[in-house]
Amino acid sequence: MFRKLAPLSLALVAINAQADFIGLQAGAGMWQPDLSGSFQSEDSSATGVDMERDLGFTDTTANNFYVAVEHPVPFLPNFRLERTSLSESRMNTLSQSISFEGQTYTASAEVDSKLDLSHTDYTGYYEILDGLGWLSADIGLTVRQFDGEISIKERSGSANESVTLDVPVPLLYGKGQFDIPMAPFPLAVGGMINYLSVGGATISDHRLYVAAAAPWVVEVGGELGYRRFNMELDDVDGLDADLTASGWYASATVHF
């Protein structure tokens, strides 16, 4: 009888050991988005300030890194920390007069402007599909902490105004991935989204990607994808805005 129970006991130990495994994922990379959109103060009757036409913004390079920890503790969500540094400054000569925060910037004036949409994401999530064939899926909640600003300064005049973006925003989080079968190395396609539409704010941030890794004990690999981040504000802290950053990104990744 003990001989019959021994294989079962070993199998249970093996399953338990696998279930108790703690996983760590990390990545760092660069994102090259095009910047577009407009913004204006809520109390302004003038036309919104156009990022490209008025201020000369086109594209930029943003840095990004993340760390995710997954564990077997029941009911306790997994955790992902992600930081995106998205900041760009421009000098441009105005082709028309613009108004921002009660200040008027006259046509032909040289202005220095800054757009900083940097943010840190704190995400708790659950794996709702894990090991089901080649599919996996996560759902959860992200708190996105912005720590940026929008500013315009006239070089030869006194006009100098800014709006601080320093607010935590809750977002729904979802991620899905399909591991390509029969590939000679770990290869997958997937997508991730953060989304919120409430009150006067709508924020959507989604990406599609292809990921590959070396088939080692510690998987070292990379991710190539496209990310689009859009933020629409209607009288949020006195600001109306419709801003978009979208473009390709590439990351180096490691999975323990």
C-alpha atoms as a PDB file:
ATOM      1  CA  MET A   1       0.000   0.000   0.000  1.00  0.00           C
ATOM      2  CA  PHE A   2       2.812   2.381   0.880  1.00  0.00           C
ATOM      3  CA  ARG A   3       4.405   1.557  -2.463  1.00  0.00           C
ATOM      4  CA  LYS A   4       1.167   2.677  -4.177  1.00  0.00           C
ATOM      5  CA  LEU A   5       0.960   5.873  -2.143  1.00  0.00           C
ATOM      6  CA  ALA A   6       4.574   6.874  -2.725  1.00  0.00           C
ATOM      7  CA  PRO A   7       4.151   7.993  -6.357  1.00  0.00           C
ATOM      8  CA  LEU A   8       1.023   9.968  -5.411  1.00  0.00           C
ATOM      9  CA  SER A   9       2.871  11.663  -2.545  1.00  0.00           C
ATOM     10  CA  LEU A  10       5.746  12.599  -4.825  1.00  0.00           C
ATOM     11  CA  ALA A  11       3.313  14.005  -7.378  1.00  0.00           C
ATOM     12  CA  LEU A  12       1.591  16.134  -4.734  1.00  0.00           C
ATOM     13  CA  VAL A  13       4.938  17.433  -3.516  1.00  0.00           C
ATOM     14  CA  ALA A  14       5.906  18.332  -7.072  1.00  0.00           C
ATOM     15  CA  ILE A  15       2.603  20.133  -7.693  1.00  0.00           C
ATOM     16  CA  ASN A  16       2.889  22.010  -4.401  1.00  0.00           C
ATOM     17  CA  ALA A  17       6.458  23.019  -5.154  1.00  0.00           C
ATOM     18  CA  GLN A  18       5.350  24.410  -8.491  1.00  0.00           C
ATOM     19  CA  ALA A  19       2.403  26.246  -6.951  1.00  0.00           C
ATOM     20  CA  ASP A  20       4.638  27.820  -4.304  1.00  0.00           C
ATOM     21  CA  PHE A  21       7.003  29.260  -6.885  1.00  0.00           C
ATOM     22  CA  ILE A  22       7.447  33.042  -6.787  1.00  0.00           C
ATOM     23  CA  GLY A  23       8.073  34.647 -10.162  1.00  0.00           C
ATOM     24  CA  LEU A  24       9.862  37.891 -10.905  1.00  0.00           C
ATOM     25  CA  GLN A  25       9.687  39.772 -14.193  1.00  0.00           C
ATOM     26  CA  ALA A  26      11.485  42.968 -15.114  1.00  0.00           C
ATOM     27  CA  GLY A  27      12.067  45.055 -18.195  1.00  0.00           C
ATOM     28  CA  ALA A  28      13.505  48.356 -19.359  1.00  0.00           C
ATOM     29  CA  GLY A  29      13.359  50.079 -22.697  1.00  0.00           C
ATOM     30  CA  MET A  30      12.697  53.093 -24.862  1.00  0.00           C
ATOM     31  CA  TRP A  31       9.499  54.417 -26.403  1.00  0.00           C
ATOM     32  CA  GLN A  32       9.489  56.872 -29.317  1.00  0.00           C
ATOM     33  CA  PRO A  33       6.024  58.436 -29.453  1.00  0.00           C
ATOM     34  CA  ASP A  34       4.661  61.184 -31.661  1.00  0.00           C
ATOM     35  CA  LEU A  35       3.094  63.967 -29.598  1.00  0.00           C
ATOM     36  CA  SER A  36      -0.134  65.608 -30.706  1.00  0.00           C
ATOM     37  CA  GLY A  37      -3.254  67.290 -29.393  1.00  0.00           C
ATOM     38  CA  SER A  38      -4.264  70.544 -27.762  1.00  0.00           C
ATOM     39  CA  PHE A  39      -5.025  72.071 -24.374  1.00  0.00           C
ATOM     40  CA  GLN A  40      -6.467  75.237 -22.884  1.00  0.00           C
ATOM     41  CA  SER A  41      -7.437  76.753 -19.574  1.00  0.00           C
ATOM     42  CA  GLU A  42     -11.090  76.270 -18.681  1.00  0.00           C
ATOM     43  CA  ASP A  43     -11.551  80.011 -18.142  1.00  0.00           C
ATOM     44  CA  SER A  44     -10.099  80.887 -21.540  1.00  0.00           C
ATOM     45  CA  SER A  45     -12.354  81.840 -24.450  1.00  0.00           C
ATOM     46  CA  ALA A  46      -9.499  81.512 -26.947  1.00  0.00           C
ATOM     47  CA  THR A  47      -8.846  78.561 -29.221  1.00  0.00           C
ATOM     48  CA  GLY A  48      -6.911  75.736 -27.600  1.00  0.00           C
ATOM     49  CA  VAL A  49      -3.119  75.666 -27.815  1.00  0.00           C
ATOM     50  CA  ASP A  50      -2.089  73.160 -30.492  1.00  0.00           C
ATOM     51  CA  MET A  51       0.932  71.062 -29.538  1.00  0.00           C
ATOM     52  CA  GLU A  52       2.332  70.824 -33.070  1.00  0.00           C
ATOM     53  CA  ARG A  53       1.257  74.046 -34.785  1.00  0.00           C
ATOM     54  CA  ASP A  54       1.751  76.473 -31.901  1.00  0.00           C
ATOM     55  CA  LEU A  55       4.506  74.933 -29.799  1.00  0.00           C
ATOM     56  CA  GLY A  56       6.440  72.832 -32.316  1.00  0.00           C
ATOM     57  CA  PHE A  57       6.111  69.451 -30.624  1.00  0.00           C
ATOM     58  CA  THR A  58       6.571  66.460 -32.937  1.00  0.00           C
ATOM     59  CA  ASP A  59       8.076  63.392 -31.314  1.00  0.00           C
ATOM     60  CA  THR A  60      10.207  62.467 -28.331  1.00  0.00           C
ATOM     61  CA  THR A  61      12.028  59.589 -26.658  1.00  0.00           C
ATOM     62  CA  ALA A  62      10.680  58.243 -23.372  1.00  0.00           C
ATOM     63  CA  ASN A  63      12.301  55.835 -20.927  1.00  0.00           C
ATOM     64  CA  ASN A  64      10.357  53.026 -19.313  1.00  0.00           C
ATOM     65  CA  PHE A  65      10.951  50.240 -16.801  1.00  0.00           C
ATOM     66  CA  TYR A  66       8.816  47.783 -14.866  1.00  0.00           C
ATOM     67  CA  VAL A  67       9.047  45.085 -12.206  1.00  0.00           C
ATOM     68  CA  ALA A  68       6.334  42.485 -11.571  1.00  0.00           C
ATOM     69  CA  VAL A  69       6.094  39.939  -8.759  1.00  0.00           C
ATOM     70  CA  GLU A  70       3.765  36.924  -8.938  1.00  0.00           C
ATOM     71  CA  HIS A  71       3.140  34.596  -6.008  1.00  0.00           C
ATOM     72  CA  PRO A  72       0.857  31.702  -4.938  1.00  0.00           C
ATOM     73  CA  VAL A  73      -0.745  33.384  -1.892  1.00  0.00           C
ATOM     74  CA  PRO A  74      -4.553  33.045  -2.258  1.00  0.00           C
ATOM     75  CA  PHE A  75      -6.606  36.236  -2.672  1.00  0.00           C
ATOM     76  CA  LEU A  76      -3.515  38.459  -2.506  1.00  0.00           C
ATOM     77  CA  PRO A  77      -3.030  40.160  -5.885  1.00  0.00           C
ATOM     78  CA  ASN A  78       0.186  40.052  -7.825  1.00  0.00           C
ATOM     79  CA  PHE A  79       1.980  43.375  -8.097  1.00  0.00           C
ATOM     80  CA  ARG A  80       3.458  45.356 -10.967  1.00  0.00           C
ATOM     81  CA  LEU A  81       5.374  48.636 -10.712  1.00  0.00           C
ATOM     82  CA  GLU A  82       5.993  50.585 -13.916  1.00  0.00           C
ATOM     83  CA  ARG A  83       7.605  53.965 -14.500  1.00  0.00           C
ATOM     84  CA  THR A  84       7.337  56.010 -17.704  1.00  0.00           C
ATOM     85  CA  SER A  85       9.394  59.194 -18.039  1.00  0.00           C
ATOM     86  CA  LEU A  86       7.603  61.154 -20.772  1.00  0.00           C
ATOM     87  CA  SER A  87       8.875  64.722 -20.916  1.00  0.00           C
ATOM     88  CA  GLU A  88       9.790  67.017 -23.791  1.00  0.00           C
ATOM     89  CA  SER A  89      10.735  70.693 -24.139  1.00  0.00           C
ATOM     90  CA  ARG A  90      10.565  72.885 -27.235  1.00  0.00           C
ATOM     91  CA  MET A  91      11.412  76.405 -28.373  1.00  0.00           C
ATOM     92  CA  ASN A  92       9.166  77.783 -31.099  1.00  0.00           C
ATOM     93  CA  THR A  93       8.138  81.065 -32.698  1.00  0.00           C
ATOM     94  CA  LEU A  94       4.391  81.586 -32.484  1.00  0.00           C
ATOM     95  CA  SER A  95       2.564  81.986 -35.780  1.00  0.00           C
ATOM     96  CA  GLN A  96      -0.504  83.331 -33.966  1.00  0.00           C
ATOM     97  CA  SER A  97      -1.439  84.656 -30.542  1.00  0.00           C
ATOM     98  CA  ILE A  98      -2.339  82.076 -27.910  1.00  0.00           C
ATOM     99  CA  SER A  99      -3.792  82.290 -24.417  1.00  0.00           C
ATOM    100  CA  PHE A 100      -2.953  80.072 -21.457  1.00  0.00           C
ATOM    101  CA  GLU A 101      -3.791  80.455 -17.757  1.00  0.00           C
ATOM    102  CA  GLY A 102      -4.902  84.048 -18.236  1.00  0.00           C
ATOM    103  CA  GLN A 103      -1.743  85.080 -20.096  1.00  0.00           C
ATOM    104  CA  THR A 104      -1.632  86.089 -23.748  1.00  0.00           C
ATOM    105  CA  TYR A 105       1.394  85.160 -25.822  1.00  0.00           C
ATOM    106  CA  THR A 106       1.596  87.360 -28.917  1.00  0.00           C
ATOM    107  CA  ALA A 107       2.226  86.214 -32.473  1.00  0.00           C
ATOM    108  CA  SER A 108       5.920  86.103 -33.521  1.00  0.00           C
ATOM    109  CA  ALA A 109       7.022  85.740 -29.887  1.00  0.00           C
ATOM    110  CA  GLU A 110       9.601  83.078 -29.062  1.00  0.00           C
ATOM    111  CA  VAL A 111       8.369  80.725 -26.348  1.00  0.00           C
ATOM    112  CA  ASP A 112       9.862  77.852 -24.386  1.00  0.00           C
ATOM    113  CA  SER A 113       7.310  75.157 -23.631  1.00  0.00           C
ATOM    114  CA  LYS A 114       7.378  71.909 -21.710  1.00  0.00           C
ATOM    115  CA  LEU A 115       5.077  68.914 -21.736  1.00  0.00           C
ATOM    116  CA  ASP A 116       5.685  66.418 -18.937  1.00  0.00           C
ATOM    117  CA  LEU A 117       3.285  63.473 -18.712  1.00  0.00           C
ATOM    118  CA  SER A 118       5.600  61.281 -16.616  1.00  0.00           C
ATOM    119  CA  HIS A 119       3.833  58.789 -14.395  1.00  0.00           C
ATOM    120  CA  THR A 120       4.239  55.765 -12.150  1.00  0.00           C
ATOM    121  CA  ASP A 121       1.790  52.854 -12.290  1.00  0.00           C
ATOM    122  CA  TYR A 122       1.034  50.749  -9.212  1.00  0.00           C
ATOM    123  CA  THR A 123      -0.939  47.696 -10.355  1.00  0.00           C
ATOM    124  CA  GLY A 124      -2.499  44.854  -8.407  1.00  0.00           C
ATOM    125  CA  TYR A 125      -3.766  42.039 -10.619  1.00  0.00           C
ATOM    126  CA  TYR A 126      -4.976  38.445 -10.702  1.00  0.00           C
ATOM    127  CA  GLU A 127      -4.219  35.745 -13.252  1.00  0.00           C
ATOM    128  CA  ILE A 128      -7.635  34.617 -14.484  1.00  0.00           C
ATOM    129  CA  LEU A 129      -6.142  32.361 -17.156  1.00  0.00           C
ATOM    130  CA  ASP A 130      -2.834  30.672 -16.430  1.00  0.00           C
ATOM    131  CA  GLY A 131      -1.578  27.542 -18.109  1.00  0.00           C
ATOM    132  CA  LEU A 132      -4.780  27.105 -20.120  1.00  0.00           C
ATOM    133  CA  GLY A 133      -3.209  25.856 -23.307  1.00  0.00           C
ATOM    134  CA  TRP A 134      -1.162  28.695 -24.708  1.00  0.00           C
ATOM    135  CA  LEU A 135      -3.356  31.473 -23.346  1.00  0.00           C
ATOM    136  CA  SER A 136      -2.903  33.652 -20.281  1.00  0.00           C
ATOM    137  CA  ALA A 137      -4.880  36.660 -19.062  1.00  0.00           C
ATOM    138  CA  ASP A 138      -4.698  39.112 -16.156  1.00  0.00           C
ATOM    139  CA  ILE A 139      -7.171  41.635 -14.788  1.00  0.00           C
ATOM    140  CA  GLY A 140      -6.693  44.176 -12.039  1.00  0.00           C
ATOM    141  CA  LEU A 141      -6.557  47.799 -10.970  1.00  0.00           C
ATOM    142  CA  THR A 142      -3.864  50.399 -11.611  1.00  0.00           C
ATOM    143  CA  VAL A 143      -3.269  53.597  -9.685  1.00  0.00           C
ATOM    144  CA  ARG A 144      -1.412  55.954 -12.026  1.00  0.00           C
ATOM    145  CA  GLN A 145       0.422  58.761 -10.257  1.00  0.00           C
ATOM    146  CA  PHE A 146       1.193  61.668 -12.565  1.00  0.00           C
ATOM    147  CA  ASP A 147       4.061  63.969 -11.603  1.00  0.00           C
ATOM    148  CA  GLY A 148       4.416  66.333 -14.534  1.00  0.00           C
ATOM    149  CA  GLU A 149       3.431  69.731 -15.834  1.00  0.00           C
ATOM    150  CA  ILE A 150       2.532  71.825 -18.857  1.00  0.00           C
ATOM    151  CA  SER A 151       4.310  75.176 -19.077  1.00  0.00           C
ATOM    152  CA  ILE A 152       4.771  78.026 -21.562  1.00  0.00           C
ATOM    153  CA  LYS A 153       7.317  80.819 -21.060  1.00  0.00           C
ATOM    154  CA  GLU A 154       7.857  83.820 -23.312  1.00  0.00           C
ATOM    155  CA  ARG A 155      11.571  84.409 -23.878  1.00  0.00           C
ATOM    156  CA  SER A 156      11.527  88.196 -24.177  1.00  0.00           C
ATOM    157  CA  GLY A 157       8.361  88.964 -22.232  1.00  0.00           C
ATOM    158  CA  SER A 158       6.855  88.413 -18.819  1.00  0.00           C
ATOM    159  CA  ALA A 159       4.296  85.767 -19.780  1.00  0.00           C
ATOM    160  CA  ASN A 160       5.169  82.600 -17.886  1.00  0.00           C
ATOM    161  CA  GLU A 161       2.461  80.145 -16.852  1.00  0.00           C
ATOM    162  CA  SER A 162       2.275  76.467 -15.947  1.00  0.00           C
ATOM    163  CA  VAL A 163      -0.172  73.813 -14.819  1.00  0.00           C
ATOM    164  CA  THR A 164       1.016  71.041 -12.525  1.00  0.00           C
ATOM    165  CA  LEU A 165      -0.128  67.489 -13.191  1.00  0.00           C
ATOM    166  CA  ASP A 166       0.174  65.799  -9.812  1.00  0.00           C
ATOM    167  CA  VAL A 167      -2.783  63.523  -9.235  1.00  0.00           C
ATOM    168  CA  PRO A 168      -3.388  59.776  -8.715  1.00  0.00           C
ATOM    169  CA  VAL A 169      -5.822  58.229 -11.201  1.00  0.00           C
ATOM    170  CA  PRO A 170      -7.391  54.748 -10.822  1.00  0.00           C
ATOM    171  CA  LEU A 171      -7.471  52.718 -14.054  1.00  0.00           C
ATOM    172  CA  LEU A 172      -8.820  49.322 -15.007  1.00  0.00           C
ATOM    173  CA  TYR A 173      -6.026  46.965 -16.029  1.00  0.00           C
ATOM    174  CA  GLY A 174      -6.054  44.012 -18.398  1.00  0.00           C
ATOM    175  CA  LYS A 175      -3.452  41.912 -20.169  1.00  0.00           C
ATOM    176  CA  GLY A 176      -3.674  38.941 -22.511  1.00  0.00           C
ATOM    177  CA  GLN A 177      -0.969  36.829 -24.110  1.00  0.00           C
ATOM    178  CA  PHE A 178      -0.808  33.951 -26.589  1.00  0.00           C
ATOM    179  CA  ASP A 179       2.301  31.764 -26.504  1.00  0.00           C
ATOM    180  CA  ILE A 180       3.042  30.563 -30.024  1.00  0.00           C
ATOM    181  CA  PRO A 181       3.256  26.745 -30.017  1.00  0.00           C
ATOM    182  CA  MET A 182       6.047  24.782 -31.682  1.00  0.00           C
ATOM    183  CA  ALA A 183       8.370  27.800 -31.691  1.00  0.00           C
ATOM    184  CA  PRO A 184      12.042  26.846 -31.094  1.00  0.00           C
ATOM    185  CA  PHE A 185      12.219  29.414 -28.270  1.00  0.00           C
ATOM    186  CA  PRO A 186       9.650  31.219 -26.066  1.00  0.00           C
ATOM    187  CA  LEU A 187       7.691  33.439 -28.466  1.00  0.00           C
ATOM    188  CA  ALA A 188       4.421  35.241 -27.767  1.00  0.00           C
ATOM    189  CA  VAL A 189       2.085  38.000 -28.909  1.00  0.00           C
ATOM    190  CA  GLY A 190      -0.034  39.997 -26.519  1.00  0.00           C
ATOM    191  CA  GLY A 191      -1.693  43.197 -25.493  1.00  0.00           C
ATOM    192  CA  MET A 192      -2.163  45.324 -22.396  1.00  0.00           C
ATOM    193  CA  ILE A 193      -4.619  48.097 -21.560  1.00  0.00           C
ATOM    194  CA  ASN A 194      -5.270  50.653 -18.831  1.00  0.00           C
ATOM    195  CA  TYR A 195      -8.539  52.557 -19.124  1.00  0.00           C
ATOM    196  CA  LEU A 196     -10.762  54.997 -17.251  1.00  0.00           C
ATOM    197  CA  SER A 197     -13.713  57.157 -18.243  1.00  0.00           C
ATOM    198  CA  VAL A 198     -15.338  58.987 -15.359  1.00  0.00           C
ATOM    199  CA  GLY A 199     -16.441  62.550 -14.702  1.00  0.00           C
ATOM    200  CA  GLY A 200     -14.481  64.853 -16.960  1.00  0.00           C
ATOM    201  CA  ALA A 201     -11.551  62.517 -17.575  1.00  0.00           C
ATOM    202  CA  THR A 202     -10.960  59.735 -20.078  1.00  0.00           C
ATOM    203  CA  ILE A 203      -7.600  58.000 -20.095  1.00  0.00           C
ATOM    204  CA  SER A 204      -6.693  55.091 -22.349  1.00  0.00           C
ATOM    205  CA  ASP A 205      -3.276  53.487 -22.592  1.00  0.00           C
ATOM    206  CA  HIS A 206      -2.888  50.346 -24.646  1.00  0.00           C
ATOM    207  CA  ARG A 207      -0.093  48.440 -26.286  1.00  0.00           C
ATOM    208  CA  LEU A 208       0.342  45.464 -28.619  1.00  0.00           C
ATOM    209  CA  TYR A 209       3.595  43.525 -28.618  1.00  0.00           C
ATOM    210  CA  VAL A 210       5.681  40.567 -29.745  1.00  0.00           C
ATOM    211  CA  ALA A 211       7.920  39.035 -27.075  1.00  0.00           C
ATOM    212  CA  ALA A 212      10.756  36.523 -27.416  1.00  0.00           C
ATOM    213  CA  ALA A 213      13.247  35.025 -24.966  1.00  0.00           C
ATOM    214  CA  ALA A 214      16.145  32.604 -24.771  1.00  0.00           C
ATOM    215  CA  PRO A 215      15.063  29.179 -23.393  1.00  0.00           C
ATOM    216  CA  TRP A 216      17.286  29.349 -20.320  1.00  0.00           C
ATOM    217  CA  VAL A 217      16.455  28.839 -16.651  1.00  0.00           C
ATOM    218  CA  VAL A 218      16.449  32.618 -16.390  1.00  0.00           C
ATOM    219  CA  GLU A 219      14.639  33.812 -19.510  1.00  0.00           C
ATOM    220  CA  VAL A 220      16.415  36.805 -21.024  1.00  0.00           C
ATOM    221  CA  GLY A 221      14.670  38.344 -23.994  1.00  0.00           C
ATOM    222  CA  GLY A 222      13.063  41.349 -25.573  1.00  0.00           C
ATOM    223  CA  GLU A 223       9.754  42.930 -26.460  1.00  0.00           C
ATOM    224  CA  LEU A 224       8.826  44.997 -29.510  1.00  0.00           C
ATOM    225  CA  GLY A 225       5.493  46.745 -29.672  1.00  0.00           C
ATOM    226  CA  TYR A 226       3.306  49.769 -30.288  1.00  0.00           C
ATOM    227  CA  ARG A 227       1.907  51.920 -27.481  1.00  0.00           C
ATOM    228  CA  ARG A 228      -0.793  54.598 -27.633  1.00  0.00           C
ATOM    229  CA  PHE A 229      -1.571  56.831 -24.656  1.00  0.00           C
ATOM    230  CA  ASN A 230      -4.453  59.309 -24.824  1.00  0.00           C
ATOM    231  CA  MET A 231      -5.681  61.675 -22.125  1.00  0.00           C
ATOM    232  CA  GLU A 232      -8.854  63.758 -22.443  1.00  0.00           C
ATOM    233  CA  LEU A 233      -9.662  66.230 -19.669  1.00  0.00           C
ATOM    234  CA  ASP A 234     -12.755  68.402 -19.338  1.00  0.00           C
ATOM    235  CA  ASP A 235     -12.277  71.030 -16.637  1.00  0.00           C
ATOM    236  CA  VAL A 236      -9.970  68.877 -14.524  1.00  0.00           C
ATOM    237  CA  ASP A 237      -8.116  71.249 -12.188  1.00  0.00           C
ATOM    238  CA  GLY A 238      -9.153  74.045 -14.554  1.00  0.00           C
ATOM    239  CA  LEU A 239      -7.664  72.376 -17.636  1.00  0.00           C
ATOM    240  CA  ASP A 240      -9.216  71.114 -20.857  1.00  0.00           C
ATOM    241  CA  ALA A 241      -6.940  68.826 -22.850  1.00  0.00           C
ATOM    242  CA  ASP A 242      -6.829  66.168 -25.536  1.00  0.00           C
ATOM    243  CA  LEU A 243      -3.266  64.847 -25.653  1.00  0.00           C
ATOM    244  CA  THR A 244      -1.906  61.771 -27.418  1.00  0.00           C
ATOM    245  CA  ALA A 245       1.477  60.042 -27.389  1.00  0.00           C
ATOM    246  CA  SER A 246       1.768  57.067 -29.730  1.00  0.00           C
ATOM    247  CA  GLY A 247       4.644  55.153 -31.258  1.00  0.00           C
ATOM    248  CA  TRP A 248       6.876  52.086 -31.286  1.00  0.00           C
ATOM    249  CA  TYR A 249       8.808  50.828 -28.285  1.00  0.00           C
ATOM    250  CA  ALA A 250      11.453  48.211 -27.577  1.00  0.00           C
ATOM    251  CA  SER A 251      12.391  46.655 -24.231  1.00  0.00           C
ATOM    252  CA  ALA A 252      14.877  44.193 -22.818  1.00  0.00           C
ATOM    253  CA  THR A 253      13.256  41.718 -20.420  1.00  0.00           C
ATOM    254  CA  VAL A 254      14.211  39.115 -17.840  1.00  0.00           C
ATOM    255  CA  HIS A 255      12.007  36.489 -16.177  1.00  0.00           C
ATOM    256  CA  PHE A 256      13.062  34.486 -13.126  1.00  0.00           C
END
